[in-house]
Amino acid sequence: MPHLGSMPDPTERPRALLVGWISRLDLALELGLSVDTLRRWEAQRLGPPCVRAGRKVYYRRAAIEAWLEEQELAAPRRRRAGGRR
C-alpha cells in the first residue's frame, strides 16, 4: 500500500504551466501588430526571443519587457523641428 504522504492532494490546485508566458496571438494583440509581423521578426531575428512547443509559439513576458527596453535604448534620437542643419 503506498504511503499517503506521497500521493498528490486532489484538492490542491495544480500550478499553471504557462504562467509568465504569452502566445504569439496574444502578444500581437497587446502590441497592436499582426501575427505575420511577429513571425517575420522571428525569421529575421529582430523581435523578442520565443520558444516553440509543437506549432505553438510562446514568449516569456520578462524577455518581452527586456526586448522593449532594448528597443527604447537603441531608438535613434529624433531631431528637433526646424529642418536640416
N, C-alpha and C. Protein backbone atom coordinates (compact mmCIF):
# COMPACT_ATOMS: atom_id res chain seq x y z
N MET A 1 0.84 -1.18 0.00
CA MET A 1 0.00 0.00 0.00
C MET A 1 0.88 1.24 0.00
N PRO A 2 0.69 2.22 -0.91
CA PRO A 2 1.54 3.41 -0.97
C PRO A 2 1.34 4.30 0.25
N HIS A 3 2.39 5.00 0.57
CA HIS A 3 2.35 5.96 1.67
C HIS A 3 1.47 7.13 1.28
N LEU A 4 0.54 7.52 2.12
CA LEU A 4 -0.40 8.59 1.78
C LEU A 4 0.28 9.93 1.60
N GLY A 5 1.41 10.15 2.23
CA GLY A 5 2.12 11.42 2.10
C GLY A 5 2.69 11.65 0.71
N SER A 6 2.89 10.57 -0.06
CA SER A 6 3.50 10.71 -1.38
C SER A 6 2.46 10.93 -2.48
N MET A 7 1.20 10.77 -2.16
CA MET A 7 0.16 10.95 -3.17
C MET A 7 -0.23 12.42 -3.27
N PRO A 8 -0.50 12.91 -4.48
CA PRO A 8 -0.90 14.32 -4.61
C PRO A 8 -2.26 14.56 -3.96
N ASP A 9 -2.40 15.71 -3.42
CA ASP A 9 -3.67 16.10 -2.78
C ASP A 9 -4.64 16.50 -3.88
N PRO A 10 -5.77 15.80 -4.05
CA PRO A 10 -6.71 16.12 -5.14
C PRO A 10 -7.37 17.49 -4.97
N THR A 11 -7.35 18.05 -3.77
CA THR A 11 -7.95 19.36 -3.57
C THR A 11 -6.97 20.49 -3.87
N GLU A 12 -5.68 20.16 -3.99
CA GLU A 12 -4.68 21.18 -4.27
C GLU A 12 -4.74 21.54 -5.75
N ARG A 13 -4.76 22.81 -6.03
CA ARG A 13 -4.84 23.30 -7.42
C ARG A 13 -3.48 23.17 -8.08
N PRO A 14 -3.39 22.57 -9.26
CA PRO A 14 -2.09 22.45 -9.94
C PRO A 14 -1.58 23.81 -10.39
N ARG A 15 -0.26 23.95 -10.42
CA ARG A 15 0.35 25.20 -10.89
C ARG A 15 0.12 25.32 -12.38
N ALA A 16 -0.14 26.51 -12.81
CA ALA A 16 -0.32 26.76 -14.24
C ALA A 16 1.05 26.74 -14.91
N LEU A 17 1.20 25.90 -15.89
CA LEU A 17 2.48 25.71 -16.55
C LEU A 17 2.95 26.95 -17.30
N LEU A 18 2.04 27.68 -17.88
CA LEU A 18 2.43 28.79 -18.75
C LEU A 18 2.33 30.16 -18.07
N VAL A 19 2.36 30.18 -16.76
CA VAL A 19 2.38 31.47 -16.06
C VAL A 19 3.68 32.18 -16.45
N GLY A 20 3.56 33.43 -16.84
CA GLY A 20 4.74 34.18 -17.25
C GLY A 20 5.04 34.07 -18.74
N TRP A 21 4.22 33.34 -19.47
CA TRP A 21 4.41 33.18 -20.91
C TRP A 21 3.17 33.69 -21.63
N ILE A 22 3.33 34.12 -22.88
CA ILE A 22 2.23 34.66 -23.67
C ILE A 22 2.33 34.08 -25.09
N SER A 23 1.19 33.81 -25.69
CA SER A 23 1.17 33.25 -27.04
C SER A 23 1.49 34.35 -28.06
N ARG A 24 1.81 33.92 -29.25
CA ARG A 24 2.10 34.88 -30.33
C ARG A 24 0.88 35.74 -30.63
N LEU A 25 -0.29 35.13 -30.67
CA LEU A 25 -1.51 35.88 -30.94
C LEU A 25 -1.75 36.93 -29.85
N ASP A 26 -1.61 36.54 -28.60
CA ASP A 26 -1.84 37.48 -27.50
C ASP A 26 -0.82 38.62 -27.53
N LEU A 27 0.43 38.30 -27.86
CA LEU A 27 1.45 39.36 -27.95
C LEU A 27 1.13 40.31 -29.09
N ALA A 28 0.72 39.76 -30.22
CA ALA A 28 0.36 40.60 -31.37
C ALA A 28 -0.77 41.55 -30.98
N LEU A 29 -1.77 41.04 -30.28
CA LEU A 29 -2.89 41.88 -29.86
C LEU A 29 -2.43 42.96 -28.89
N GLU A 30 -1.56 42.61 -27.94
CA GLU A 30 -1.09 43.60 -26.97
C GLU A 30 -0.25 44.69 -27.61
N LEU A 31 0.54 44.32 -28.63
CA LEU A 31 1.41 45.31 -29.28
C LEU A 31 0.73 46.01 -30.45
N GLY A 32 -0.47 45.56 -30.83
CA GLY A 32 -1.15 46.15 -31.97
C GLY A 32 -0.48 45.81 -33.28
N LEU A 33 0.09 44.61 -33.36
CA LEU A 33 0.77 44.13 -34.56
C LEU A 33 0.03 42.93 -35.11
N SER A 34 0.40 42.52 -36.30
CA SER A 34 -0.17 41.29 -36.84
C SER A 34 0.71 40.11 -36.42
N VAL A 35 0.10 38.94 -36.41
CA VAL A 35 0.84 37.71 -36.13
C VAL A 35 1.94 37.53 -37.19
N ASP A 36 1.63 37.91 -38.43
CA ASP A 36 2.62 37.80 -39.51
C ASP A 36 3.85 38.67 -39.24
N THR A 37 3.65 39.84 -38.65
CA THR A 37 4.80 40.70 -38.33
C THR A 37 5.69 40.01 -37.31
N LEU A 38 5.09 39.45 -36.27
CA LEU A 38 5.90 38.74 -35.27
C LEU A 38 6.59 37.53 -35.88
N ARG A 39 5.93 36.84 -36.79
CA ARG A 39 6.53 35.69 -37.48
C ARG A 39 7.72 36.15 -38.32
N ARG A 40 7.55 37.27 -39.02
CA ARG A 40 8.63 37.80 -39.85
C ARG A 40 9.80 38.25 -38.99
N TRP A 41 9.51 38.92 -37.86
CA TRP A 41 10.58 39.35 -36.95
C TRP A 41 11.36 38.15 -36.42
N GLU A 42 10.65 37.06 -36.12
CA GLU A 42 11.34 35.86 -35.65
C GLU A 42 12.30 35.34 -36.72
N ALA A 43 11.82 35.27 -37.96
CA ALA A 43 12.65 34.78 -39.06
C ALA A 43 13.87 35.66 -39.28
N GLN A 44 13.72 36.97 -39.07
CA GLN A 44 14.82 37.92 -39.27
C GLN A 44 15.62 38.15 -37.99
N ARG A 45 15.22 37.49 -36.90
CA ARG A 45 15.86 37.64 -35.59
C ARG A 45 15.84 39.09 -35.11
N LEU A 46 14.70 39.74 -35.31
CA LEU A 46 14.54 41.14 -34.90
C LEU A 46 13.67 41.28 -33.66
N GLY A 47 12.75 40.39 -33.47
CA GLY A 47 11.78 40.51 -32.38
C GLY A 47 12.27 39.90 -31.08
N PRO A 48 11.39 39.86 -30.11
CA PRO A 48 11.75 39.27 -28.82
C PRO A 48 11.98 37.77 -28.96
N PRO A 49 12.81 37.18 -28.10
CA PRO A 49 13.05 35.74 -28.19
C PRO A 49 11.78 34.95 -27.88
N CYS A 50 11.66 33.79 -28.52
CA CYS A 50 10.48 32.95 -28.32
C CYS A 50 10.89 31.49 -28.27
N VAL A 51 9.96 30.66 -27.86
CA VAL A 51 10.17 29.21 -27.84
C VAL A 51 8.98 28.56 -28.54
N ARG A 52 9.21 27.37 -29.06
CA ARG A 52 8.16 26.63 -29.74
C ARG A 52 7.82 25.38 -28.94
N ALA A 53 6.52 25.13 -28.85
CA ALA A 53 6.01 23.89 -28.28
C ALA A 53 5.11 23.29 -29.36
N GLY A 54 5.69 22.46 -30.19
CA GLY A 54 4.97 21.97 -31.36
C GLY A 54 4.77 23.11 -32.34
N ARG A 55 3.54 23.40 -32.68
CA ARG A 55 3.24 24.51 -33.59
C ARG A 55 2.98 25.81 -32.86
N LYS A 56 2.87 25.74 -31.56
CA LYS A 56 2.61 26.94 -30.76
C LYS A 56 3.90 27.68 -30.49
N VAL A 57 3.83 29.00 -30.47
CA VAL A 57 4.98 29.86 -30.18
C VAL A 57 4.64 30.67 -28.94
N TYR A 58 5.58 30.69 -27.99
CA TYR A 58 5.36 31.43 -26.75
C TYR A 58 6.53 32.37 -26.49
N TYR A 59 6.21 33.47 -25.84
CA TYR A 59 7.19 34.48 -25.47
C TYR A 59 7.16 34.62 -23.95
N ARG A 60 8.32 34.69 -23.33
CA ARG A 60 8.39 34.92 -21.89
C ARG A 60 8.18 36.40 -21.65
N ARG A 61 7.26 36.74 -20.77
CA ARG A 61 6.92 38.16 -20.52
C ARG A 61 8.14 38.98 -20.12
N ALA A 62 8.99 38.44 -19.28
CA ALA A 62 10.19 39.17 -18.86
C ALA A 62 11.11 39.44 -20.05
N ALA A 63 11.20 38.49 -20.98
CA ALA A 63 12.04 38.68 -22.18
C ALA A 63 11.44 39.76 -23.09
N ILE A 64 10.12 39.82 -23.16
CA ILE A 64 9.46 40.85 -23.97
C ILE A 64 9.76 42.23 -23.38
N GLU A 65 9.64 42.35 -22.07
CA GLU A 65 9.92 43.63 -21.42
C GLU A 65 11.37 44.05 -21.64
N ALA A 66 12.30 43.11 -21.52
CA ALA A 66 13.72 43.42 -21.75
C ALA A 66 13.94 43.84 -23.21
N TRP A 67 13.30 43.15 -24.14
CA TRP A 67 13.44 43.48 -25.55
C TRP A 67 12.88 44.88 -25.83
N LEU A 68 11.73 45.20 -25.25
CA LEU A 68 11.16 46.54 -25.44
C LEU A 68 12.09 47.62 -24.90
N GLU A 69 12.71 47.36 -23.75
CA GLU A 69 13.66 48.33 -23.20
C GLU A 69 14.87 48.50 -24.11
N GLU A 70 15.34 47.41 -24.71
CA GLU A 70 16.45 47.49 -25.66
C GLU A 70 16.06 48.34 -26.86
N GLN A 71 14.81 48.20 -27.33
CA GLN A 71 14.36 48.99 -28.47
C GLN A 71 14.33 50.47 -28.13
N GLU A 72 13.96 50.76 -26.90
CA GLU A 72 13.92 52.16 -26.46
C GLU A 72 15.32 52.75 -26.45
N LEU A 73 16.29 51.99 -25.96
CA LEU A 73 17.66 52.48 -25.88
C LEU A 73 18.31 52.58 -27.26
N ALA A 74 17.91 51.69 -28.17
CA ALA A 74 18.51 51.68 -29.50
C ALA A 74 17.84 52.65 -30.46
N ALA A 75 16.71 53.21 -30.08
CA ALA A 75 15.98 54.11 -30.97
C ALA A 75 16.83 55.34 -31.26
N PRO A 76 16.92 55.74 -32.51
CA PRO A 76 17.69 56.94 -32.84
C PRO A 76 17.03 58.18 -32.24
N ARG A 77 17.84 59.07 -31.81
CA ARG A 77 17.32 60.32 -31.24
C ARG A 77 16.72 61.15 -32.36
N ARG A 78 15.53 61.64 -32.11
CA ARG A 78 14.86 62.46 -33.12
C ARG A 78 15.40 63.88 -33.06
N ARG A 79 15.51 64.44 -34.25
CA ARG A 79 15.97 65.83 -34.31
C ARG A 79 14.83 66.77 -33.95
N ARG A 80 15.19 67.92 -33.47
CA ARG A 80 14.18 68.93 -33.20
C ARG A 80 13.62 69.47 -34.51
N ALA A 81 12.41 69.98 -34.46
CA ALA A 81 11.81 70.57 -35.65
C ALA A 81 12.62 71.79 -36.07
N GLY A 82 12.63 72.05 -37.33
CA GLY A 82 13.37 73.22 -37.80
C GLY A 82 14.13 72.93 -39.08
N GLY A 83 13.97 71.74 -39.60
CA GLY A 83 14.61 71.43 -40.88
C GLY A 83 16.02 70.92 -40.71
N ARG A 84 16.75 70.95 -41.83
CA ARG A 84 18.12 70.41 -41.85
C ARG A 84 19.10 71.35 -41.18
N ARG A 85 20.15 70.77 -40.75
CA ARG A 85 21.23 71.58 -40.16
C ARG A 85 22.44 71.57 -41.02
